[in-house]
Amino acid sequence: MDGETIVVTAAGLVVPPNYIREMFQLDHGDQIVRRESVIGRGKTRTALTVTWHPVEFLGLVPDLVSTAVGKAAGLTDKVLTATGRKITHGRDDMHARTADAREASHLGVPIGASILGLGYRWSDEAGIIEFGEVCLPSMLTIGYPYELAD
């Protein structure tokens, strides 16, 4: 993410949609921390992200609901340090689809443009630590290194 900027467009407690409520095993009406950010390089928008965290993390990491410049980076590490938890399981799911109005507006593409949707879950034995949703515009190459254990 060299040279990229992160602009947090929304951060706060919300009553989540059903798929998030079920994933985090919340009761109807329970709240969760939701953060929405746009990542870009100059005038080019490279991603729209939404992350979700259990509400109990907010008392330990108040920056989860901050939209201040400079407080967006490193939040997962802050959560892990504050909670004493460690991500031991992960799952990524990706699919190509078309952008809805909100996604298109944030990414600077037409409604219905092709995008790549990515969802990731990071958890440990106690449950989900972070769930993230990422939308990437077409013609953007992504890659990441990884190591394989014996």
N, C-alpha and C. Protein backbone atom coordinates (compact mmCIF):
# COMPACT_ATOMS: atom_id res chain seq x y z
N MET A 1 0.82 -1.19 0.00
CA MET A 1 0.00 0.00 0.00
C MET A 1 0.86 1.25 0.00
N ASP A 2 2.03 1.18 -0.60
CA ASP A 2 2.90 2.34 -0.67
C ASP A 2 2.22 3.48 -1.40
N GLY A 3 2.28 4.67 -0.80
CA GLY A 3 1.71 5.85 -1.42
C GLY A 3 0.20 5.93 -1.37
N GLU A 4 -0.44 5.01 -0.71
CA GLU A 4 -1.89 5.02 -0.63
C GLU A 4 -2.34 5.77 0.62
N THR A 5 -3.50 6.38 0.51
CA THR A 5 -4.10 7.05 1.65
C THR A 5 -5.38 6.32 2.04
N ILE A 6 -5.68 6.37 3.32
CA ILE A 6 -6.91 5.77 3.83
C ILE A 6 -7.76 6.89 4.40
N VAL A 7 -8.98 6.99 3.90
CA VAL A 7 -9.93 7.97 4.42
C VAL A 7 -11.08 7.19 5.04
N VAL A 8 -11.26 7.34 6.34
CA VAL A 8 -12.36 6.67 7.03
C VAL A 8 -13.60 7.51 6.83
N THR A 9 -14.57 6.95 6.13
CA THR A 9 -15.80 7.69 5.81
C THR A 9 -16.90 7.50 6.85
N ALA A 10 -16.79 6.44 7.66
CA ALA A 10 -17.78 6.20 8.72
C ALA A 10 -17.17 5.24 9.74
N ALA A 11 -17.47 5.48 11.00
CA ALA A 11 -17.02 4.57 12.07
C ALA A 11 -17.95 4.76 13.25
N GLY A 12 -18.49 3.65 13.75
CA GLY A 12 -19.38 3.77 14.90
C GLY A 12 -20.09 2.47 15.20
N LEU A 13 -20.95 2.54 16.18
CA LEU A 13 -21.78 1.40 16.57
C LEU A 13 -23.03 1.38 15.71
N VAL A 14 -23.36 0.21 15.20
CA VAL A 14 -24.56 0.06 14.38
C VAL A 14 -25.25 -1.25 14.74
N VAL A 15 -26.53 -1.32 14.44
CA VAL A 15 -27.24 -2.60 14.46
C VAL A 15 -26.95 -3.22 13.10
N PRO A 16 -26.30 -4.38 13.07
CA PRO A 16 -25.82 -4.92 11.80
C PRO A 16 -26.92 -5.58 10.96
N PRO A 17 -26.62 -5.73 9.67
CA PRO A 17 -27.54 -6.52 8.84
C PRO A 17 -27.51 -7.98 9.29
N ASN A 18 -28.50 -8.75 8.86
CA ASN A 18 -28.66 -10.13 9.34
C ASN A 18 -27.42 -11.00 9.13
N TYR A 19 -26.76 -10.91 7.97
CA TYR A 19 -25.63 -11.80 7.73
C TYR A 19 -24.49 -11.53 8.71
N ILE A 20 -24.31 -10.28 9.14
CA ILE A 20 -23.28 -9.95 10.14
C ILE A 20 -23.75 -10.40 11.52
N ARG A 21 -25.01 -10.16 11.84
CA ARG A 21 -25.56 -10.59 13.13
C ARG A 21 -25.39 -12.09 13.32
N GLU A 22 -25.70 -12.85 12.27
CA GLU A 22 -25.57 -14.31 12.35
C GLU A 22 -24.10 -14.73 12.45
N MET A 23 -23.23 -14.11 11.68
CA MET A 23 -21.81 -14.46 11.70
C MET A 23 -21.20 -14.25 13.09
N PHE A 24 -21.57 -13.14 13.73
CA PHE A 24 -21.04 -12.82 15.06
C PHE A 24 -21.91 -13.38 16.19
N GLN A 25 -22.96 -14.11 15.84
CA GLN A 25 -23.87 -14.72 16.79
C GLN A 25 -24.46 -13.70 17.76
N LEU A 26 -24.98 -12.62 17.19
CA LEU A 26 -25.59 -11.55 17.98
C LEU A 26 -27.09 -11.73 18.04
N ASP A 27 -27.71 -11.19 19.07
CA ASP A 27 -29.15 -11.17 19.18
C ASP A 27 -29.71 -9.99 18.38
N HIS A 28 -30.98 -10.08 17.99
CA HIS A 28 -31.63 -8.96 17.31
C HIS A 28 -31.50 -7.71 18.15
N GLY A 29 -31.09 -6.62 17.54
CA GLY A 29 -30.95 -5.35 18.25
C GLY A 29 -29.57 -5.10 18.82
N ASP A 30 -28.71 -6.15 18.93
CA ASP A 30 -27.35 -5.95 19.41
C ASP A 30 -26.57 -5.07 18.43
N GLN A 31 -25.59 -4.35 18.96
CA GLN A 31 -24.77 -3.50 18.12
C GLN A 31 -23.40 -4.12 17.88
N ILE A 32 -22.72 -3.58 16.87
CA ILE A 32 -21.38 -4.02 16.49
C ILE A 32 -20.63 -2.79 15.97
N VAL A 33 -19.31 -2.84 16.02
CA VAL A 33 -18.50 -1.75 15.50
C VAL A 33 -18.34 -1.93 13.98
N ARG A 34 -18.67 -0.88 13.24
CA ARG A 34 -18.54 -0.88 11.77
C ARG A 34 -17.66 0.29 11.36
N ARG A 35 -16.66 0.00 10.51
CA ARG A 35 -15.77 1.03 9.97
C ARG A 35 -15.79 0.94 8.45
N GLU A 36 -15.96 2.08 7.80
CA GLU A 36 -15.94 2.12 6.34
C GLU A 36 -14.83 3.07 5.91
N SER A 37 -14.02 2.62 4.96
CA SER A 37 -12.88 3.41 4.49
C SER A 37 -12.75 3.32 2.98
N VAL A 38 -12.20 4.38 2.41
CA VAL A 38 -11.83 4.40 1.00
C VAL A 38 -10.32 4.52 0.94
N ILE A 39 -9.71 3.66 0.14
CA ILE A 39 -8.25 3.67 -0.03
C ILE A 39 -7.98 4.16 -1.44
N GLY A 40 -6.96 5.00 -1.57
CA GLY A 40 -6.65 5.53 -2.89
C GLY A 40 -5.21 5.95 -3.04
N ARG A 41 -4.87 6.19 -4.29
CA ARG A 41 -3.55 6.69 -4.68
C ARG A 41 -3.81 7.91 -5.55
N GLY A 42 -3.59 9.11 -5.00
CA GLY A 42 -3.94 10.31 -5.74
C GLY A 42 -5.43 10.37 -5.94
N LYS A 43 -5.86 10.56 -7.21
CA LYS A 43 -7.29 10.61 -7.51
C LYS A 43 -7.88 9.23 -7.80
N THR A 44 -7.03 8.21 -7.84
CA THR A 44 -7.48 6.86 -8.14
C THR A 44 -7.91 6.17 -6.86
N ARG A 45 -9.09 5.62 -6.85
CA ARG A 45 -9.57 4.87 -5.70
C ARG A 45 -9.28 3.40 -5.94
N THR A 46 -8.59 2.79 -4.99
CA THR A 46 -8.18 1.39 -5.17
C THR A 46 -9.00 0.40 -4.36
N ALA A 47 -9.75 0.86 -3.36
CA ALA A 47 -10.57 -0.06 -2.57
C ALA A 47 -11.57 0.67 -1.71
N LEU A 48 -12.68 0.02 -1.48
CA LEU A 48 -13.67 0.41 -0.48
C LEU A 48 -13.68 -0.73 0.53
N THR A 49 -13.50 -0.42 1.80
CA THR A 49 -13.48 -1.47 2.82
C THR A 49 -14.50 -1.19 3.91
N VAL A 50 -15.04 -2.26 4.44
CA VAL A 50 -15.89 -2.18 5.64
C VAL A 50 -15.39 -3.28 6.58
N THR A 51 -15.05 -2.90 7.80
CA THR A 51 -14.64 -3.90 8.79
C THR A 51 -15.63 -3.90 9.94
N TRP A 52 -15.77 -5.07 10.54
CA TRP A 52 -16.71 -5.29 11.63
C TRP A 52 -15.95 -5.90 12.81
N HIS A 53 -16.20 -5.38 14.02
CA HIS A 53 -15.55 -5.88 15.23
C HIS A 53 -16.57 -6.02 16.35
N PRO A 54 -16.38 -7.00 17.24
CA PRO A 54 -17.27 -7.12 18.39
C PRO A 54 -17.29 -5.83 19.22
N VAL A 55 -18.45 -5.46 19.73
CA VAL A 55 -18.63 -4.22 20.47
C VAL A 55 -17.74 -4.17 21.72
N GLU A 56 -17.44 -5.32 22.31
CA GLU A 56 -16.62 -5.30 23.53
C GLU A 56 -15.19 -4.81 23.28
N PHE A 57 -14.75 -4.81 22.03
CA PHE A 57 -13.41 -4.30 21.71
C PHE A 57 -13.34 -2.78 21.82
N LEU A 58 -14.48 -2.11 21.71
CA LEU A 58 -14.50 -0.65 21.69
C LEU A 58 -13.96 -0.04 22.99
N GLY A 59 -14.28 -0.63 24.13
CA GLY A 59 -13.77 -0.12 25.40
C GLY A 59 -12.25 -0.24 25.52
N LEU A 60 -11.68 -1.20 24.81
CA LEU A 60 -10.23 -1.42 24.85
C LEU A 60 -9.49 -0.64 23.76
N VAL A 61 -10.17 -0.40 22.64
CA VAL A 61 -9.55 0.29 21.50
C VAL A 61 -10.53 1.35 20.99
N PRO A 62 -10.58 2.52 21.64
CA PRO A 62 -11.52 3.56 21.24
C PRO A 62 -11.31 4.07 19.81
N ASP A 63 -10.09 3.89 19.27
CA ASP A 63 -9.83 4.32 17.89
C ASP A 63 -10.69 3.60 16.87
N LEU A 64 -11.33 2.50 17.25
CA LEU A 64 -12.20 1.78 16.33
C LEU A 64 -13.34 2.65 15.81
N VAL A 65 -13.74 3.66 16.56
CA VAL A 65 -14.82 4.54 16.10
C VAL A 65 -14.31 5.93 15.72
N SER A 66 -13.01 6.06 15.54
CA SER A 66 -12.44 7.34 15.13
C SER A 66 -12.36 7.43 13.61
N THR A 67 -12.68 8.60 13.08
CA THR A 67 -12.49 8.86 11.65
C THR A 67 -11.28 9.78 11.43
N ALA A 68 -10.52 10.04 12.49
CA ALA A 68 -9.37 10.94 12.38
C ALA A 68 -8.29 10.38 11.47
N VAL A 69 -7.70 11.26 10.69
CA VAL A 69 -6.59 10.87 9.82
C VAL A 69 -5.45 10.33 10.69
N GLY A 70 -4.87 9.25 10.29
CA GLY A 70 -3.74 8.68 11.02
C GLY A 70 -4.11 7.63 12.04
N LYS A 71 -5.39 7.48 12.36
CA LYS A 71 -5.79 6.47 13.34
C LYS A 71 -6.33 5.21 12.69
N ALA A 72 -6.36 5.17 11.36
CA ALA A 72 -6.91 4.03 10.66
C ALA A 72 -5.93 2.87 10.57
N ALA A 73 -4.67 3.18 10.45
CA ALA A 73 -3.66 2.13 10.27
C ALA A 73 -3.37 1.42 11.59
N GLY A 74 -3.16 0.12 11.52
CA GLY A 74 -2.73 -0.64 12.67
C GLY A 74 -3.80 -1.00 13.68
N LEU A 75 -5.07 -0.85 13.34
CA LEU A 75 -6.13 -1.14 14.31
C LEU A 75 -6.21 -2.61 14.70
N THR A 76 -5.98 -3.49 13.75
CA THR A 76 -6.03 -4.91 14.09
C THR A 76 -4.96 -5.24 15.13
N ASP A 77 -3.77 -4.72 14.95
CA ASP A 77 -2.70 -4.94 15.93
C ASP A 77 -3.07 -4.36 17.29
N LYS A 78 -3.70 -3.20 17.29
CA LYS A 78 -4.14 -2.59 18.56
C LYS A 78 -5.17 -3.49 19.26
N VAL A 79 -6.09 -4.04 18.47
CA VAL A 79 -7.11 -4.94 19.04
C VAL A 79 -6.45 -6.18 19.63
N LEU A 80 -5.52 -6.77 18.89
CA LEU A 80 -4.85 -7.98 19.38
C LEU A 80 -4.07 -7.71 20.65
N THR A 81 -3.35 -6.60 20.69
CA THR A 81 -2.59 -6.24 21.89
C THR A 81 -3.51 -6.00 23.08
N ALA A 82 -4.57 -5.24 22.86
CA ALA A 82 -5.49 -4.88 23.95
C ALA A 82 -6.27 -6.08 24.48
N THR A 83 -6.62 -7.01 23.60
CA THR A 83 -7.45 -8.14 24.01
C THR A 83 -6.62 -9.36 24.42
N GLY A 84 -5.35 -9.38 24.04
CA GLY A 84 -4.51 -10.54 24.31
C GLY A 84 -4.84 -11.73 23.42
N ARG A 85 -5.60 -11.47 22.38
CA ARG A 85 -5.98 -12.55 21.46
C ARG A 85 -4.99 -12.64 20.31
N LYS A 86 -5.06 -13.76 19.60
CA LYS A 86 -4.17 -13.99 18.47
C LYS A 86 -4.98 -14.63 17.35
N ILE A 87 -4.85 -14.09 16.15
CA ILE A 87 -5.56 -14.66 15.01
C ILE A 87 -4.93 -16.01 14.68
N THR A 88 -5.73 -17.05 14.76
CA THR A 88 -5.24 -18.40 14.46
C THR A 88 -5.93 -19.02 13.26
N HIS A 89 -7.04 -18.43 12.85
CA HIS A 89 -7.79 -18.96 11.70
C HIS A 89 -8.13 -17.79 10.78
N GLY A 90 -8.10 -18.07 9.49
CA GLY A 90 -8.50 -17.06 8.52
C GLY A 90 -9.23 -17.72 7.36
N ARG A 91 -10.07 -16.95 6.74
CA ARG A 91 -10.76 -17.42 5.54
C ARG A 91 -11.01 -16.22 4.65
N ASP A 92 -10.66 -16.36 3.36
CA ASP A 92 -10.93 -15.34 2.36
C ASP A 92 -11.91 -15.91 1.34
N ASP A 93 -12.89 -15.13 0.97
CA ASP A 93 -13.83 -15.49 -0.07
C ASP A 93 -13.87 -14.33 -1.06
N MET A 94 -13.79 -14.64 -2.37
CA MET A 94 -13.80 -13.61 -3.40
C MET A 94 -14.81 -13.95 -4.48
N HIS A 95 -15.39 -12.92 -5.05
CA HIS A 95 -16.25 -13.12 -6.20
C HIS A 95 -16.34 -11.83 -7.02
N ALA A 96 -16.41 -12.00 -8.32
CA ALA A 96 -16.60 -10.85 -9.21
C ALA A 96 -18.09 -10.56 -9.29
N ARG A 97 -18.43 -9.29 -9.33
CA ARG A 97 -19.82 -8.88 -9.42
C ARG A 97 -19.87 -7.44 -9.91
N THR A 98 -21.04 -6.86 -9.89
CA THR A 98 -21.18 -5.47 -10.31
C THR A 98 -21.38 -4.57 -9.09
N ALA A 99 -20.94 -3.32 -9.24
CA ALA A 99 -21.00 -2.35 -8.13
C ALA A 99 -22.41 -1.80 -7.96
N ASP A 100 -22.84 -1.73 -6.69
CA ASP A 100 -24.11 -1.05 -6.40
C ASP A 100 -23.84 0.45 -6.31
N ALA A 101 -24.84 1.24 -6.04
CA ALA A 101 -24.71 2.70 -6.03
C ALA A 101 -23.69 3.18 -5.00
N ARG A 102 -23.73 2.64 -3.79
CA ARG A 102 -22.79 3.08 -2.75
C ARG A 102 -21.36 2.74 -3.13
N GLU A 103 -21.13 1.52 -3.57
CA GLU A 103 -19.78 1.09 -3.96
C GLU A 103 -19.27 1.90 -5.14
N ALA A 104 -20.12 2.10 -6.15
CA ALA A 104 -19.72 2.86 -7.33
C ALA A 104 -19.34 4.29 -6.96
N SER A 105 -20.11 4.91 -6.08
CA SER A 105 -19.82 6.27 -5.66
C SER A 105 -18.46 6.37 -4.97
N HIS A 106 -18.19 5.46 -4.05
CA HIS A 106 -16.91 5.48 -3.33
C HIS A 106 -15.72 5.13 -4.23
N LEU A 107 -15.92 4.24 -5.17
CA LEU A 107 -14.82 3.81 -6.04
C LEU A 107 -14.65 4.70 -7.27
N GLY A 108 -15.60 5.58 -7.52
CA GLY A 108 -15.50 6.45 -8.68
C GLY A 108 -15.71 5.71 -9.99
N VAL A 109 -16.60 4.71 -9.97
CA VAL A 109 -16.91 3.94 -11.17
C VAL A 109 -18.42 4.02 -11.41
N PRO A 110 -18.87 3.69 -12.62
CA PRO A 110 -20.31 3.70 -12.88
C PRO A 110 -21.04 2.60 -12.11
N ILE A 111 -22.29 2.86 -11.77
CA ILE A 111 -23.12 1.81 -11.18
C ILE A 111 -23.17 0.65 -12.17
N GLY A 112 -22.98 -0.55 -11.69
CA GLY A 112 -22.98 -1.73 -12.55
C GLY A 112 -21.61 -2.09 -13.11
N ALA A 113 -20.58 -1.29 -12.79
CA ALA A 113 -19.23 -1.62 -13.25
C ALA A 113 -18.76 -2.91 -12.58
N SER A 114 -17.89 -3.62 -13.25
CA SER A 114 -17.33 -4.85 -12.68
C SER A 114 -16.39 -4.51 -11.52
N ILE A 115 -16.55 -5.24 -10.42
CA ILE A 115 -15.66 -5.11 -9.27
C ILE A 115 -15.36 -6.50 -8.73
N LEU A 116 -14.34 -6.57 -7.89
CA LEU A 116 -14.04 -7.81 -7.18
C LEU A 116 -14.43 -7.60 -5.72
N GLY A 117 -15.28 -8.46 -5.22
CA GLY A 117 -15.68 -8.42 -3.82
C GLY A 117 -14.89 -9.46 -3.05
N LEU A 118 -14.35 -9.05 -1.91
CA LEU A 118 -13.55 -9.94 -1.06
C LEU A 118 -14.10 -9.85 0.36
N GLY A 119 -14.30 -10.99 0.97
CA GLY A 119 -14.67 -11.04 2.38
C GLY A 119 -13.62 -11.87 3.11
N TYR A 120 -13.19 -11.39 4.27
CA TYR A 120 -12.22 -12.16 5.06
C TYR A 120 -12.69 -12.24 6.50
N ARG A 121 -12.38 -13.38 7.12
CA ARG A 121 -12.69 -13.62 8.54
C ARG A 121 -11.41 -13.98 9.24
N TRP A 122 -11.11 -13.26 10.32
CA TRP A 122 -9.96 -13.58 11.16
C TRP A 122 -10.50 -13.92 12.54
N SER A 123 -10.12 -15.08 13.04
CA SER A 123 -10.69 -15.53 14.31
C SER A 123 -9.68 -16.33 15.12
N ASP A 124 -10.10 -16.67 16.33
CA ASP A 124 -9.38 -17.60 17.19
C ASP A 124 -10.43 -18.51 17.82
N GLU A 125 -10.04 -19.28 18.80
CA GLU A 125 -10.99 -20.22 19.43
C GLU A 125 -12.16 -19.51 20.10
N ALA A 126 -11.98 -18.23 20.49
CA ALA A 126 -13.05 -17.49 21.16
C ALA A 126 -14.05 -16.88 20.19
N GLY A 127 -13.72 -16.84 18.90
CA GLY A 127 -14.66 -16.30 17.91
C GLY A 127 -13.99 -15.34 16.94
N ILE A 128 -14.83 -14.64 16.20
CA ILE A 128 -14.34 -13.72 15.18
C ILE A 128 -13.75 -12.48 15.83
N ILE A 129 -12.55 -12.13 15.39
CA ILE A 129 -11.87 -10.91 15.83
C ILE A 129 -12.17 -9.78 14.87
N GLU A 130 -12.14 -10.08 13.57
CA GLU A 130 -12.42 -9.08 12.54
C GLU A 130 -13.01 -9.75 11.32
N PHE A 131 -14.06 -9.15 10.79
CA PHE A 131 -14.59 -9.54 9.49
C PHE A 131 -14.50 -8.31 8.60
N GLY A 132 -13.97 -8.49 7.41
CA GLY A 132 -13.82 -7.37 6.51
C GLY A 132 -14.41 -7.67 5.15
N GLU A 133 -14.92 -6.61 4.55
CA GLU A 133 -15.44 -6.68 3.19
C GLU A 133 -14.69 -5.64 2.37
N VAL A 134 -14.19 -6.04 1.21
CA VAL A 134 -13.39 -5.17 0.37
C VAL A 134 -13.95 -5.22 -1.04
N CYS A 135 -14.09 -4.06 -1.66
CA CYS A 135 -14.49 -3.96 -3.07
C CYS A 135 -13.35 -3.31 -3.84
N LEU A 136 -12.93 -3.97 -4.91
CA LEU A 136 -11.83 -3.47 -5.74
C LEU A 136 -12.34 -3.21 -7.15
N PRO A 137 -11.94 -2.08 -7.74
CA PRO A 137 -12.36 -1.82 -9.12
C PRO A 137 -11.67 -2.77 -10.09
N SER A 138 -12.24 -2.90 -11.28
CA SER A 138 -11.62 -3.76 -12.28
C SER A 138 -10.27 -3.18 -12.72
N MET A 139 -9.47 -4.01 -13.31
CA MET A 139 -8.15 -3.65 -13.83
C MET A 139 -7.17 -3.27 -12.73
N LEU A 140 -7.41 -3.74 -11.52
CA LEU A 140 -6.48 -3.53 -10.41
C LEU A 140 -5.92 -4.89 -10.03
N THR A 141 -4.62 -5.02 -10.07
CA THR A 141 -3.99 -6.29 -9.73
C THR A 141 -3.66 -6.30 -8.24
N ILE A 142 -4.03 -7.39 -7.59
CA ILE A 142 -3.69 -7.55 -6.18
C ILE A 142 -2.85 -8.80 -6.03
N GLY A 143 -2.03 -8.82 -5.02
CA GLY A 143 -1.23 -9.99 -4.72
C GLY A 143 -0.68 -9.87 -3.32
N TYR A 144 -0.33 -10.98 -2.74
CA TYR A 144 0.22 -10.96 -1.40
C TYR A 144 1.11 -12.18 -1.23
N PRO A 145 2.22 -12.00 -0.52
CA PRO A 145 3.11 -13.14 -0.28
C PRO A 145 2.61 -14.01 0.87
N TYR A 146 2.99 -15.24 0.86
CA TYR A 146 2.67 -16.12 1.97
C TYR A 146 3.70 -17.25 2.03
N GLU A 147 3.79 -17.84 3.21
CA GLU A 147 4.73 -18.95 3.42
C GLU A 147 3.93 -20.19 3.75
N LEU A 148 4.43 -21.31 3.29
CA LEU A 148 3.78 -22.59 3.57
C LEU A 148 4.63 -23.36 4.57
N ALA A 149 4.01 -23.89 5.58
CA ALA A 149 4.72 -24.68 6.59
C ALA A 149 4.84 -26.10 6.12
N ASP A 150 5.83 -26.80 6.63
CA ASP A 150 6.03 -28.22 6.30
C ASP A 150 4.90 -29.07 6.83
